[in-house]
Amino acid sequence: MPYRRALAAMQASALALGLVLCGSLVWALDKPTGPVVLTIEGGISETNQGNKAQFDMQMLEKLPQRSFTTRTPWYPDAVTFTGPLLRDVIAAAGGKGSKITAVALNDYKTEIPFDDIHRHDAIVARLMNNRPMPVREKGPLFIVYPFDTKAELRSELYYNRAAWQLSVLRIR
């Protein structure tokens, strides 16, 4: 009987190890096949273009998606945003650091403490009200915090950390 328990424990361990190994393969970055919409650079361990991690929209769509509806200072009514969690995008690139610089298409920059990706469910929105966002409507990507979920998020500090027309994340 102890032999069977030991064998069962070894099989369970092997299965768990296999799942961990397979899980790491899921995060391996393929090369983008469409236009690059996001580049991550700096403190990353997963790359697909030199020392950078580049994503096309299809790659971002393959990550787990999150949706929430929130009021923002930029729209008169609450808006529904959909996209992967910022922490999942950073994890896909193996990002580690203390701060993230988000850079927009027009070279606007904002600093986001790395801790924000764990404390708040900010997303890299790719849809607004279930539709892709053109550049003229703050797209194609927009870092958005779920402002209505916590009073602390409804402040200039977090509104300034939101970045529309996102194109680059630099991790330091």
Protein backbone atom coordinates (compact mmCIF):
# COMPACT_ATOMS: atom_id res chain seq x y z
CA MET A 1 0.00 0.00 0.00
CA PRO A 2 2.76 2.57 0.80
CA TYR A 3 4.25 1.77 -2.62
CA ARG A 4 0.99 2.79 -4.36
CA ARG A 5 0.81 6.05 -2.41
CA ALA A 6 4.42 6.83 -3.27
CA LEU A 7 3.79 6.00 -6.93
CA ALA A 8 0.66 8.17 -6.97
CA ALA A 9 2.59 11.05 -5.37
CA MET A 10 5.37 10.73 -7.96
CA GLN A 11 2.84 10.68 -10.80
CA ALA A 12 1.12 13.78 -9.40
CA SER A 13 4.48 15.55 -9.11
CA ALA A 14 5.38 14.62 -12.68
CA LEU A 15 2.01 15.88 -13.90
CA ALA A 16 2.45 19.15 -12.00
CA LEU A 17 5.95 19.59 -13.44
CA GLY A 18 4.61 18.89 -16.92
CA LEU A 19 1.92 21.52 -16.47
CA VAL A 20 4.48 24.06 -15.29
CA LEU A 21 6.73 23.30 -18.26
CA CYS A 22 3.83 23.44 -20.69
CA GLY A 23 2.62 26.64 -19.06
CA SER A 24 5.97 28.29 -19.70
CA LEU A 25 5.70 27.34 -23.37
CA VAL A 26 2.37 29.15 -23.60
CA TRP A 27 4.12 32.42 -22.67
CA ALA A 28 6.95 31.96 -25.21
CA LEU A 29 6.69 34.85 -27.61
CA ASP A 30 6.07 34.18 -31.25
CA LYS A 31 7.04 36.80 -33.77
CA PRO A 32 4.20 39.15 -34.71
CA THR A 33 2.57 38.35 -38.05
CA GLY A 34 0.60 41.61 -38.24
CA PRO A 35 1.55 45.23 -37.63
CA VAL A 36 3.38 45.75 -34.33
CA VAL A 37 1.16 47.70 -31.93
CA LEU A 38 3.18 47.37 -28.71
CA THR A 39 6.88 47.05 -27.93
CA ILE A 40 8.21 46.17 -24.48
CA GLU A 41 11.85 46.84 -23.70
CA GLY A 42 14.21 47.05 -20.76
CA GLY A 43 13.91 44.57 -17.90
CA ILE A 44 12.46 41.63 -19.83
CA SER A 45 13.51 38.01 -20.29
CA GLU A 46 11.26 37.01 -23.22
CA THR A 47 12.10 38.63 -26.54
CA ASN A 48 11.12 38.09 -30.15
CA GLN A 49 12.89 40.97 -31.91
CA GLY A 50 16.46 41.58 -30.78
CA ASN A 51 16.28 42.63 -27.13
CA LYS A 52 12.60 43.66 -27.37
CA ALA A 53 9.23 41.97 -27.08
CA GLN A 54 6.90 43.05 -29.86
CA PHE A 55 3.17 42.34 -30.03
CA ASP A 56 0.65 42.58 -32.80
CA MET A 57 -3.05 42.84 -31.98
CA GLN A 58 -3.62 39.10 -32.45
CA MET A 59 -0.96 38.30 -29.83
CA LEU A 60 -2.68 40.63 -27.33
CA GLU A 61 -6.06 39.06 -28.15
CA LYS A 62 -4.66 35.61 -27.24
CA LEU A 63 -3.90 36.72 -23.68
CA PRO A 64 -6.73 36.37 -21.14
CA GLN A 65 -9.15 39.27 -21.61
CA ARG A 66 -10.79 41.45 -18.96
CA SER A 67 -13.65 43.92 -19.36
CA PHE A 68 -14.93 46.60 -17.06
CA THR A 69 -17.10 49.67 -17.30
CA THR A 70 -15.85 52.85 -15.70
CA ARG A 71 -16.25 56.59 -15.78
CA THR A 72 -13.24 58.58 -16.94
CA PRO A 73 -12.43 62.29 -17.21
CA TRP A 74 -12.23 61.92 -21.01
CA TYR A 75 -15.75 60.75 -21.82
CA PRO A 76 -19.12 62.11 -20.63
CA ASP A 77 -20.56 58.64 -19.90
CA ALA A 78 -19.18 55.41 -18.47
CA VAL A 79 -17.24 53.39 -21.03
CA THR A 80 -16.60 49.64 -21.29
CA PHE A 81 -12.97 48.74 -21.94
CA THR A 82 -11.66 45.27 -22.90
CA GLY A 83 -8.13 43.93 -23.10
CA PRO A 84 -5.51 41.93 -21.26
CA LEU A 85 -4.44 42.91 -17.77
CA LEU A 86 -1.32 45.06 -17.86
CA ARG A 87 0.35 42.53 -15.51
CA ASP A 88 -0.34 39.71 -18.01
CA VAL A 89 1.21 41.70 -20.86
CA ILE A 90 4.27 42.43 -18.73
CA ALA A 91 4.44 38.77 -17.63
CA ALA A 92 4.31 37.60 -21.26
CA ALA A 93 7.56 39.49 -21.79
CA GLY A 94 9.05 38.24 -18.52
CA GLY A 95 9.14 41.81 -17.21
CA LYS A 96 10.67 42.66 -13.86
CA GLY A 97 11.57 46.04 -12.45
CA SER A 98 10.46 48.90 -10.25
CA LYS A 99 8.82 51.20 -12.76
CA ILE A 100 7.27 51.21 -16.18
CA THR A 101 7.43 54.12 -18.58
CA ALA A 102 4.44 54.07 -20.92
CA VAL A 103 5.10 55.90 -24.19
CA ALA A 104 2.35 57.03 -26.55
CA LEU A 105 2.45 57.39 -30.32
CA ASN A 106 2.91 61.17 -29.89
CA ASP A 107 5.85 60.52 -27.47
CA TYR A 108 3.81 61.41 -24.36
CA LYS A 109 5.32 59.53 -21.41
CA THR A 110 3.95 58.55 -18.02
CA GLU A 111 5.57 56.64 -15.17
CA ILE A 112 3.75 53.70 -13.60
CA PRO A 113 5.16 52.07 -10.45
CA PHE A 114 5.66 48.36 -11.04
CA ASP A 115 3.60 47.69 -7.91
CA ASP A 116 0.51 49.10 -9.70
CA ILE A 117 0.31 46.02 -11.93
CA HIS A 118 -0.26 43.86 -8.84
CA ARG A 119 -2.37 46.25 -6.76
CA HIS A 120 -4.81 47.33 -9.47
CA ASP A 121 -6.45 45.54 -12.40
CA ALA A 122 -5.33 48.04 -15.04
CA ILE A 123 -5.74 46.73 -18.56
CA VAL A 124 -4.19 47.39 -21.94
CA ALA A 125 -7.52 48.15 -23.56
CA ARG A 126 -7.86 47.22 -27.21
CA LEU A 127 -11.64 47.63 -27.37
CA MET A 128 -13.86 50.46 -26.22
CA ASN A 129 -17.56 49.63 -26.03
CA ASN A 130 -16.75 46.37 -27.86
CA ARG A 131 -15.10 48.12 -30.82
CA PRO A 132 -11.47 48.59 -31.80
CA MET A 133 -10.18 52.09 -31.04
CA PRO A 134 -8.77 54.06 -33.95
CA VAL A 135 -5.86 56.42 -33.23
CA ARG A 136 -8.17 59.45 -33.34
CA GLU A 137 -10.22 57.87 -30.50
CA LYS A 138 -7.25 57.19 -28.18
CA GLY A 139 -6.34 53.85 -29.74
CA PRO A 140 -5.29 51.40 -30.77
CA LEU A 141 -4.18 50.66 -27.17
CA PHE A 142 -5.06 52.48 -23.96
CA ILE A 143 -3.86 51.70 -20.42
CA VAL A 144 -6.96 52.11 -18.28
CA TYR A 145 -7.45 51.64 -14.55
CA PRO A 146 -10.85 50.51 -13.23
CA PHE A 147 -11.42 53.98 -11.79
CA ASP A 148 -14.87 53.23 -10.36
CA THR A 149 -13.71 50.26 -8.24
CA LYS A 150 -11.73 52.22 -5.63
CA ALA A 151 -11.97 55.83 -4.48
CA GLU A 152 -8.16 56.17 -4.59
CA LEU A 153 -8.19 55.48 -8.35
CA ARG A 154 -10.47 58.47 -9.01
CA SER A 155 -7.62 60.95 -8.73
CA GLU A 156 -5.24 62.93 -10.92
CA LEU A 157 -2.45 60.56 -9.89
CA TYR A 158 -4.10 57.55 -11.57
CA TYR A 159 -5.70 59.52 -14.39
CA ASN A 160 -2.18 60.66 -15.30
CA ARG A 161 -0.93 57.05 -15.31
CA ALA A 162 -3.51 56.10 -17.94
CA ALA A 163 -1.89 56.24 -21.37
CA TRP A 164 -3.82 56.31 -24.61
CA GLN A 165 -2.27 55.65 -28.02
CA LEU A 166 0.14 53.36 -26.14
CA SER A 167 3.05 52.11 -28.26
CA VAL A 168 5.97 51.27 -25.91
CA LEU A 169 6.44 50.03 -22.35
CA ARG A 170 9.93 50.51 -20.91
CA ILE A 171 10.64 48.51 -17.78
CA ARG A 172 13.34 49.60 -15.37
